[in-house]
Amino acid sequence: MAEKKIDLSSIKSKGFLPQRQENMFSMRLKVVSGNLDAEKLRAIADAAEKYGSGYVHITSRQQIEVPFVKLEDIEAARNELEKKGISGGSAGKRVRAVVACQGNRVCRNGLIDCERLACIIDEKYFGEAVPKKLKIAVTGCPAACVRPQDNDFGIMGTVKPEVLEENCVGCKRCEKACKMGAIKVIEDKASIDTEKCILCGACIAACRKDALRAEKTGCTVFAGGKAGLRPKQGTKILELAQEEQLFSVLEKTFDYYRNEGLEGERLGDLIERLGIERYLDAIGHSPCDGDLS
């Protein structure tokens, strides 16, 4: 009697990745913005002991995988975790889970609520079919700990500082805080070099006299980045964008990728093939434009 052929495509669509060991799979679990509550962590640990080899692997994109799940245990493991509210991760030609740092909920440097943005994006786009795969990262500030420039679509919190000269006493705390040398105190008044400023807000945080404030807080957005064998830095397409602008461009980017992308082509390769101008025209923007056309 002939052996039943394994449908690897179907198995991968459920988040199970084939291992080098025959009929063994690594169960990828969906984690949005790197956050899991203790109850779900316990459930995953139990599943790892019951269906795997008793350990979990935390991936470079904040996902959790349970290796060494047997072919015959796939459905049971999946169903058990889904009852606990834990769904399978994405693999193949689909939108992957959104990675994010802790943003302004926890980090002193965070400028935006990364978890909230990640959850909104995940709810709308996770698992959608695309020509290859699409990875999204949300980081809270220009320290860029989750490397938004290396993702197909990267979002980074930024803030534009403004000097209130009447409050400035020339203490130079802001000057010392700026790692880019973008702010100098001249004749007891702070002055910002906008060419050097990376919009991190360190000067605002350092000021004790309310002489610096946020003129505008928003997001810098990158598109077309990727890691891998042929790494590529994303192109900056928005700066200090507000949420309405951000989500409008994200939706248009998805449309452009689905309509113009070749089978197996990453977004960055599509942009390179057809030219950045065509992509920017499709999303209604010019480079680093803060306002929608």
Protein backbone atom coordinates (compact mmCIF):
# COMPACT_ATOMS: atom_id res chain seq x y z
CA MET A 1 0.00 0.00 0.00
CA ALA A 2 1.46 3.37 -1.04
CA GLU A 3 2.27 5.86 1.68
CA LYS A 4 0.02 8.88 1.95
CA LYS A 5 1.77 11.95 0.59
CA ILE A 6 2.34 14.67 3.17
CA ASP A 7 0.88 18.06 2.19
CA LEU A 8 3.75 20.26 3.39
CA SER A 9 2.11 23.41 2.04
CA SER A 10 -0.96 22.84 4.21
CA ILE A 11 1.16 22.02 7.24
CA LYS A 12 3.30 25.15 6.81
CA SER A 13 0.18 27.29 6.46
CA LYS A 14 -0.72 26.21 10.01
CA GLY A 15 2.66 27.35 11.34
CA PHE A 16 4.50 24.01 11.34
CA LEU A 17 7.95 24.09 9.76
CA PRO A 18 9.57 20.83 8.59
CA GLN A 19 12.79 19.96 10.39
CA ARG A 20 15.77 18.09 9.00
CA GLN A 21 14.57 15.07 10.99
CA GLU A 22 11.98 13.07 9.03
CA ASN A 23 8.35 13.71 10.03
CA MET A 24 9.41 16.18 12.72
CA PHE A 25 8.13 19.76 12.78
CA SER A 26 8.81 22.97 14.64
CA MET A 27 5.53 24.51 15.77
CA ARG A 28 5.68 28.27 15.24
CA LEU A 29 3.38 30.28 17.50
CA LYS A 30 2.08 33.76 16.88
CA VAL A 31 3.44 36.44 19.22
CA VAL A 32 2.48 40.05 18.49
CA SER A 33 5.00 42.72 19.55
CA GLY A 34 6.90 40.19 21.66
CA ASN A 35 4.28 40.17 24.43
CA LEU A 36 2.86 37.05 26.09
CA ASP A 37 1.09 36.85 29.42
CA ALA A 38 2.20 34.35 32.06
CA GLU A 39 -0.81 32.06 31.52
CA LYS A 40 0.00 31.60 27.84
CA LEU A 41 3.67 31.05 28.63
CA ARG A 42 2.69 28.23 30.98
CA ALA A 43 0.47 26.70 28.31
CA ILE A 44 3.31 26.79 25.79
CA ALA A 45 5.70 25.21 28.30
CA ASP A 46 3.19 22.41 28.91
CA ALA A 47 2.80 21.84 25.15
CA ALA A 48 6.57 21.74 24.70
CA GLU A 49 6.82 18.99 27.29
CA LYS A 50 3.82 17.06 25.97
CA TYR A 51 4.39 17.31 22.22
CA GLY A 52 8.00 18.46 21.78
CA SER A 53 11.32 17.82 23.48
CA GLY A 54 10.64 19.95 26.54
CA TYR A 55 12.08 23.26 25.35
CA VAL A 56 11.09 26.25 23.25
CA HIS A 57 13.06 28.39 20.82
CA ILE A 58 12.66 32.18 20.76
CA THR A 59 13.27 33.37 17.21
CA SER A 60 15.02 36.53 16.06
CA ARG A 61 11.58 38.01 15.32
CA GLN A 62 10.12 37.54 18.81
CA GLN A 63 8.20 34.41 17.85
CA ILE A 64 8.16 31.18 19.84
CA GLU A 65 8.72 27.79 18.25
CA VAL A 66 8.28 24.36 19.82
CA PRO A 67 10.63 21.97 17.98
CA PHE A 68 10.36 18.19 17.58
CA VAL A 69 6.59 17.90 17.22
CA LYS A 70 5.75 14.61 15.50
CA LEU A 71 3.65 14.60 12.35
CA GLU A 72 0.89 12.63 14.05
CA ASP A 73 0.73 15.15 16.93
CA ILE A 74 0.37 18.29 14.83
CA GLU A 75 -3.40 18.66 15.01
CA ALA A 76 -3.60 17.77 18.70
CA ALA A 77 -0.87 20.28 19.63
CA ARG A 78 -2.46 22.99 17.51
CA ASN A 79 -5.96 22.44 18.90
CA GLU A 80 -4.77 22.36 22.49
CA LEU A 81 -2.99 25.68 22.22
CA GLU A 82 -5.81 27.34 20.29
CA LYS A 83 -8.11 26.57 23.22
CA LYS A 84 -5.71 28.69 25.31
CA GLY A 85 -5.91 31.56 22.83
CA ILE A 86 -2.57 30.81 21.21
CA SER A 87 -2.64 30.58 17.42
CA GLY A 88 -0.09 29.34 14.94
CA GLY A 89 2.45 31.68 13.44
CA SER A 90 2.76 32.60 9.79
CA ALA A 91 5.10 30.98 7.28
CA GLY A 92 5.48 30.92 3.53
CA LYS A 93 4.17 33.66 1.25
CA ARG A 94 2.24 35.56 3.89
CA VAL A 95 2.40 38.59 6.17
CA ARG A 96 4.38 37.65 9.25
CA ALA A 97 3.68 38.61 12.87
CA VAL A 98 4.58 42.20 13.68
CA VAL A 99 7.66 42.69 15.85
CA ALA A 100 7.92 45.66 18.19
CA CYS A 101 9.84 47.02 21.14
CA GLN A 102 8.05 48.09 24.32
CA GLY A 103 7.82 51.72 23.21
CA ASN A 104 6.54 54.43 25.52
CA ARG A 105 4.63 51.97 27.70
CA VAL A 106 7.88 50.88 29.34
CA CYS A 107 11.01 52.37 27.76
CA ARG A 108 12.22 55.80 28.89
CA ASN A 109 13.26 56.55 25.31
CA GLY A 110 10.02 55.39 23.71
CA LEU A 111 8.13 58.03 21.75
CA ILE A 112 5.15 56.01 20.48
CA ASP A 113 2.94 53.15 21.70
CA CYS A 114 4.50 50.34 19.69
CA GLU A 115 2.33 47.55 21.08
CA ARG A 116 -0.90 49.31 20.18
CA LEU A 117 0.26 49.99 16.61
CA ALA A 118 1.55 46.43 16.23
CA CYS A 119 -1.78 44.98 17.38
CA ILE A 120 -3.77 47.15 14.95
CA ILE A 121 -1.55 46.12 12.04
CA ASP A 122 -1.60 42.47 13.07
CA GLU A 123 -5.38 42.35 13.37
CA LYS A 124 -5.79 43.75 9.87
CA TYR A 125 -3.01 42.06 7.92
CA PHE A 126 -1.55 39.02 9.69
CA GLY A 127 -1.40 35.92 7.50
CA GLU A 128 -2.57 37.66 4.31
CA ALA A 129 -1.18 36.21 1.09
CA VAL A 130 1.57 38.23 -0.64
CA PRO A 131 4.01 37.43 -3.49
CA LYS A 132 6.77 36.28 -1.12
CA LYS A 133 6.63 37.30 2.54
CA LEU A 134 6.22 40.63 4.26
CA LYS A 135 7.77 41.59 7.57
CA ILE A 136 6.79 44.62 9.63
CA ALA A 137 8.61 46.14 12.62
CA VAL A 138 7.61 48.95 14.98
CA THR A 139 10.26 50.63 17.12
CA GLY A 140 9.77 53.37 19.68
CA CYS A 141 12.63 55.72 18.86
CA PRO A 142 15.66 56.22 16.55
CA ALA A 143 17.72 53.80 18.66
CA ALA A 144 15.82 51.36 16.41
CA CYS A 145 16.26 48.24 18.57
CA VAL A 146 14.03 46.12 16.30
CA ARG A 147 15.76 47.36 13.12
CA PRO A 148 12.83 48.85 11.15
CA GLN A 149 15.21 49.66 8.26
CA ASP A 150 15.77 45.91 7.75
CA ASN A 151 12.07 45.11 7.31
CA ASP A 152 9.76 45.27 4.32
CA PHE A 153 7.85 47.98 6.20
CA GLY A 154 9.43 49.65 9.21
CA ILE A 155 7.92 52.18 11.62
CA MET A 156 10.00 54.28 14.01
CA GLY A 157 8.83 56.78 16.61
CA THR A 158 10.27 60.27 16.17
CA VAL A 159 9.84 63.72 17.68
CA LYS A 160 10.73 67.18 16.39
CA PRO A 161 12.17 69.35 19.18
CA GLU A 162 11.41 73.04 19.49
CA VAL A 163 13.41 75.57 21.53
CA LEU A 164 11.57 78.01 23.79
CA GLU A 165 14.27 80.65 24.10
CA GLU A 166 12.51 82.53 26.89
CA ASN A 167 12.93 79.51 29.17
CA CYS A 168 16.49 78.59 28.19
CA VAL A 169 19.17 79.37 30.78
CA GLY A 170 22.11 77.99 28.82
CA CYS A 171 22.77 75.05 31.17
CA LYS A 172 23.94 72.79 28.27
CA ARG A 173 22.15 69.68 29.54
CA CYS A 174 20.57 69.31 26.11
CA GLU A 175 23.92 69.72 24.37
CA LYS A 176 25.48 66.99 26.50
CA ALA A 177 22.50 64.66 25.93
CA CYS A 178 22.62 64.91 22.13
CA LYS A 179 24.81 62.11 20.73
CA MET A 180 24.66 63.57 17.22
CA GLY A 181 26.01 67.04 18.04
CA ALA A 182 22.81 68.53 16.67
CA ILE A 183 22.18 70.99 19.49
CA LYS A 184 24.54 73.68 20.70
CA VAL A 185 24.21 76.39 23.29
CA ILE A 186 25.26 79.70 21.77
CA GLU A 187 25.17 82.87 23.87
CA ASP A 188 23.22 81.00 26.56
CA LYS A 189 20.52 79.84 24.14
CA ALA A 190 20.04 76.37 22.65
CA SER A 191 20.15 76.11 18.87
CA ILE A 192 19.22 73.00 16.83
CA ASP A 193 20.98 71.96 13.62
CA THR A 194 18.11 70.29 11.74
CA GLU A 195 20.53 68.61 9.33
CA LYS A 196 22.11 66.66 12.20
CA CYS A 197 19.02 66.09 14.32
CA ILE A 198 17.73 62.50 14.17
CA LEU A 199 14.47 63.32 15.99
CA CYS A 200 15.22 61.14 19.02
CA GLY A 201 14.02 63.58 21.69
CA ALA A 202 17.04 63.11 23.99
CA CYS A 203 17.41 66.86 24.31
CA ILE A 204 13.79 67.26 25.39
CA ALA A 205 14.16 64.57 28.05
CA ALA A 206 17.33 66.19 29.38
CA CYS A 207 15.92 69.71 29.73
CA ARG A 208 14.87 70.73 33.26
CA LYS A 209 13.68 74.25 32.43
CA ASP A 210 10.94 73.52 29.88
CA ALA A 211 13.09 75.19 27.25
CA LEU A 212 12.63 72.30 24.83
CA ARG A 213 9.34 70.71 23.87
CA ALA A 214 7.93 68.40 21.23
CA GLU A 215 6.76 70.46 18.30
CA LYS A 216 5.50 67.30 16.62
CA THR A 217 5.59 63.58 17.42
CA GLY A 218 5.02 60.96 14.77
CA CYS A 219 6.59 58.11 12.83
CA THR A 220 9.40 57.78 10.36
CA VAL A 221 8.56 55.02 7.90
CA PHE A 222 10.87 52.81 5.82
CA ALA A 223 9.90 50.51 2.96
CA GLY A 224 11.69 47.77 1.07
CA GLY A 225 14.25 46.61 3.62
CA LYS A 226 15.25 43.02 4.24
CA ALA A 227 17.92 40.86 5.86
CA GLY A 228 19.06 37.50 4.53
CA LEU A 229 21.55 36.56 1.82
CA ARG A 230 21.01 39.80 -0.07
CA PRO A 231 20.36 42.38 2.66
CA LYS A 232 18.87 45.73 1.72
CA GLN A 233 18.22 48.89 3.70
CA GLY A 234 14.72 50.26 3.42
CA THR A 235 14.02 53.65 1.86
CA LYS A 236 12.75 56.41 4.14
CA ILE A 237 9.36 57.40 2.74
CA LEU A 238 7.75 59.31 5.61
CA GLU A 239 8.98 61.42 8.48
CA LEU A 240 6.96 62.50 11.53
CA ALA A 241 3.86 60.95 9.97
CA GLN A 242 0.61 60.79 11.88
CA GLU A 243 -1.39 57.56 12.17
CA GLU A 244 -3.81 58.44 9.38
CA GLN A 245 -0.89 58.95 7.00
CA LEU A 246 0.87 55.84 8.25
CA PHE A 247 -2.06 53.49 7.69
CA SER A 248 -2.95 55.06 4.36
CA VAL A 249 0.57 54.42 3.06
CA LEU A 250 0.63 50.91 4.53
CA GLU A 251 -2.62 50.00 2.76
CA LYS A 252 -1.37 51.44 -0.55
CA THR A 253 1.90 49.57 -0.12
CA PHE A 254 -0.01 46.29 0.25
CA ASP A 255 -2.04 47.06 -2.88
CA TYR A 256 1.11 47.89 -4.84
CA TYR A 257 2.89 44.75 -3.70
CA ARG A 258 -0.05 42.47 -4.52
CA ASN A 259 -0.69 44.07 -7.91
CA GLU A 260 2.89 44.53 -9.17
CA GLY A 261 4.96 41.94 -7.31
CA LEU A 262 6.12 38.83 -9.11
CA GLU A 263 5.72 35.40 -7.54
CA GLY A 264 8.53 34.97 -5.01
CA GLU A 265 9.58 38.65 -5.12
CA ARG A 266 10.17 40.65 -1.93
CA LEU A 267 8.83 44.21 -1.71
CA GLY A 268 12.33 45.71 -1.80
CA ASP A 269 13.17 43.76 -4.96
CA LEU A 270 9.95 44.97 -6.56
CA ILE A 271 10.82 48.58 -5.70
CA GLU A 272 14.30 48.07 -7.16
CA ARG A 273 12.95 46.44 -10.33
CA LEU A 274 10.34 49.08 -11.15
CA GLY A 275 12.04 52.06 -9.50
CA ILE A 276 11.40 54.00 -6.32
CA GLU A 277 9.57 56.74 -8.21
CA ARG A 278 6.87 54.33 -9.36
CA TYR A 279 6.35 53.05 -5.82
CA LEU A 280 6.19 56.56 -4.39
CA ASP A 281 3.70 57.55 -7.08
CA ALA A 282 1.56 54.53 -6.21
CA ILE A 283 1.40 55.49 -2.53
CA GLY A 284 0.94 59.20 -3.30
CA HIS A 285 4.20 60.39 -1.77
CA SER A 286 7.53 61.95 -2.45
CA PRO A 287 10.64 60.95 -0.41
CA CYS A 288 10.30 61.86 3.29
CA ASP A 289 7.08 63.75 2.59
CA GLY A 290 5.16 64.25 5.80
CA ASP A 291 1.82 65.03 4.17
CA LEU A 292 -0.31 62.94 1.86
CA SER A 293 -0.69 64.24 -1.66
